[in-house]
Amino acid sequence: MSTVDKNKKEEMIDLTAIWNKYKPFWWVFLISIIGCVGLSLLYLKIKSPVFLSKTLVMVNQEEEEGAGAVGGLGALMSSFSLGGGSGSNVEDEMYKMTSHTNMVAVIKHLELNKNYWSKPGIFDRKVWYYGNSPVRISIPDAVLDTISVSTKFKIDFPADGKEISIKVKQGKEGTIFKGKTDKMPYSVKTPYGTFTIDTTGYFVKGEELNFNAIVCSPDESIEDINERIAINQLSKKANAILVDLEDVNTKRAEDLLNTLVTFYNERAIADKNEQALSTSKFIEERLIQLYKDLEDAETKIEDYKSQNQIVDATAEAEYTFVRKERIEAGMLEMETQAAVLQMIKDFLNSPENKYNLVPFTTDFPEEPITAYNELVLQRLKLESTTKENNVALKSLTAQVDAMRKNVIATIDKQLQSTRIALADMRREASSAEKRMTGIPRMERELTALYRDQVIKNEIYGYLLQKREENQLKLMRNRPKGKVIDTAYTEIEPISPNKYVIPALGLIMGVGGGFILSNLIESRRKRRNKKSTTSTEA
């Protein structure tokens, strides 16, 4: 006999032995399987199904700005990493959409921190309420925000409407209130505040109702929602965001997703407008000052012409510009850049602008300025809702101060590089000056006056264009997230699985049969052993 045949025979013998051993206990297996499968079917009957709701959002990319600034100033800024377009980082927008602030606003708006349900019978599913609850529990928002524990209510309404039983549990303290009443509304005082219980238009008189509710703070509700919500980018090359949420109440899930996107868009528009208004104020102030500077420059040129009796100043200045066109063009660009950088540095160093948004974010080093503006926005929002001694506000202020120093240091480095390049050009210009021995002193001085006027004109034109761009930005309130699919719910629930649960019940029933059979057999052996011992004695 081969080894394979021998193994097969031994396996058959083992299976036969097992069958013979447990065959007398078929009734145990039957009872165990019926019990476990019955319990699994009962679980499916009373367990509320969980559905998956989804929404699809496309993140809009901001259009490129600053590419056509007056006199090529935009190209100059781009060459020094100060210009160019600004696009939305999809991952950043995902974080903003599900941020704590946005989630709290949604929860308060939809009152998702209050869960209502009833239990008609012990073998019936829970009836979850959303927008149609027969009973409403109220507490002032100011008090609710300070509560750190959840409050559970169990309210039994008899059919006759009398002797309404109320039981309240709070946190780990257990039952803190237990009483009865025959009228509504009813106030329940707890260590954390007074709750008011009242019926709504959905309450049906004359029907028995076993009502339950859980009321918690918005922060505690966020923890529950975060366990059931998921947000993903469809692909690295796509700007589409898929948000899905698991919930037993499909209407509540769809409202949460739709409101989440709506509030995200409203906050994005508000942030954009706040920055645009800050930029507008800064531009107007600089335009007024530059206008005065331009008037002064024109007055100086007129006075100089009058004092030196220059008749054809244009021809004289043109002669100088032609000879030094390459050098002067480079110096003009460098001096313009240095003036703009110095203007922004002065803005950051000014005590009045200490916690204001930096304008022209698209014309500066994008990452540090964007990060600085986001911190400033967070501080402005926190400052409007908290006191000066708030720990979070102090921490955020320290971060803003530290980042401002880093931004100023970055601008200083760029200023230093610009001034070094400008010094090189001036040395080159000085060398060219020596070869221009025929140019009178008046022409050189007049050229300097014209150059100063041209620089101010460049900056003035640049600011005018920025003012127009800023006004267009204020007028264009396009949603940041374009809704591709409004929230919808899949037809089939994701849990409990109506196939897996009975299968697990069957497996547990078979396993239970083996365990019970072994216990019965073991008990029988002990009993036989005792009988044998007694007989021998």
Foldseek 3Di string as FASTA:
>chain_A
DDPVVVVVVVVVVVVVVVCVLCVVLVVLLVVLLCVLLVVLVLCVAAEQFKFKKKFKWFFDWDDKPLCDFPPCLSVLLVVVLQFIGGTDDLVVLVCLLLPLVLLQVLCVVQVVLKWKWFDPDPSHYIGTDGPQDQKDKDDDLVLQQPDPWKKKWKWKQDLQQAFIWIWMQIHPPGTPDTGTGRDDFDWDQDPSGIMTMGGDPNDDHRDIITMMMMGHHSVVVSVVFVVFKDWDDPDPVGRMIMIMGMDSDQVVRLSSVQSSQVSSQVVVLVLLLQQLVLLLVLLVVVLVVLVVVLVVLVVVLVVLCVVVVDDCLVVLLVVVCVLCVVLLVLLLSLVLVLVVLVSQLCLCPDPVNVLPQRPSCNSRNNVLSVVLNVLSVVLVVVPVPDPPPDPVNVVSSVVNVVSSVVRSVVSVVVSVVSVVVSVVSVVVVVVVVVVPVVRDPSSVVSNVSVSVSVSSVSVSSSSVVVSVVSVVSNVDSDGSIHTPGRMDIDPDGPDDDPPVSSVVSSVSSSVSSVVVSVVVVVVVVVVVVVVVVVVVD
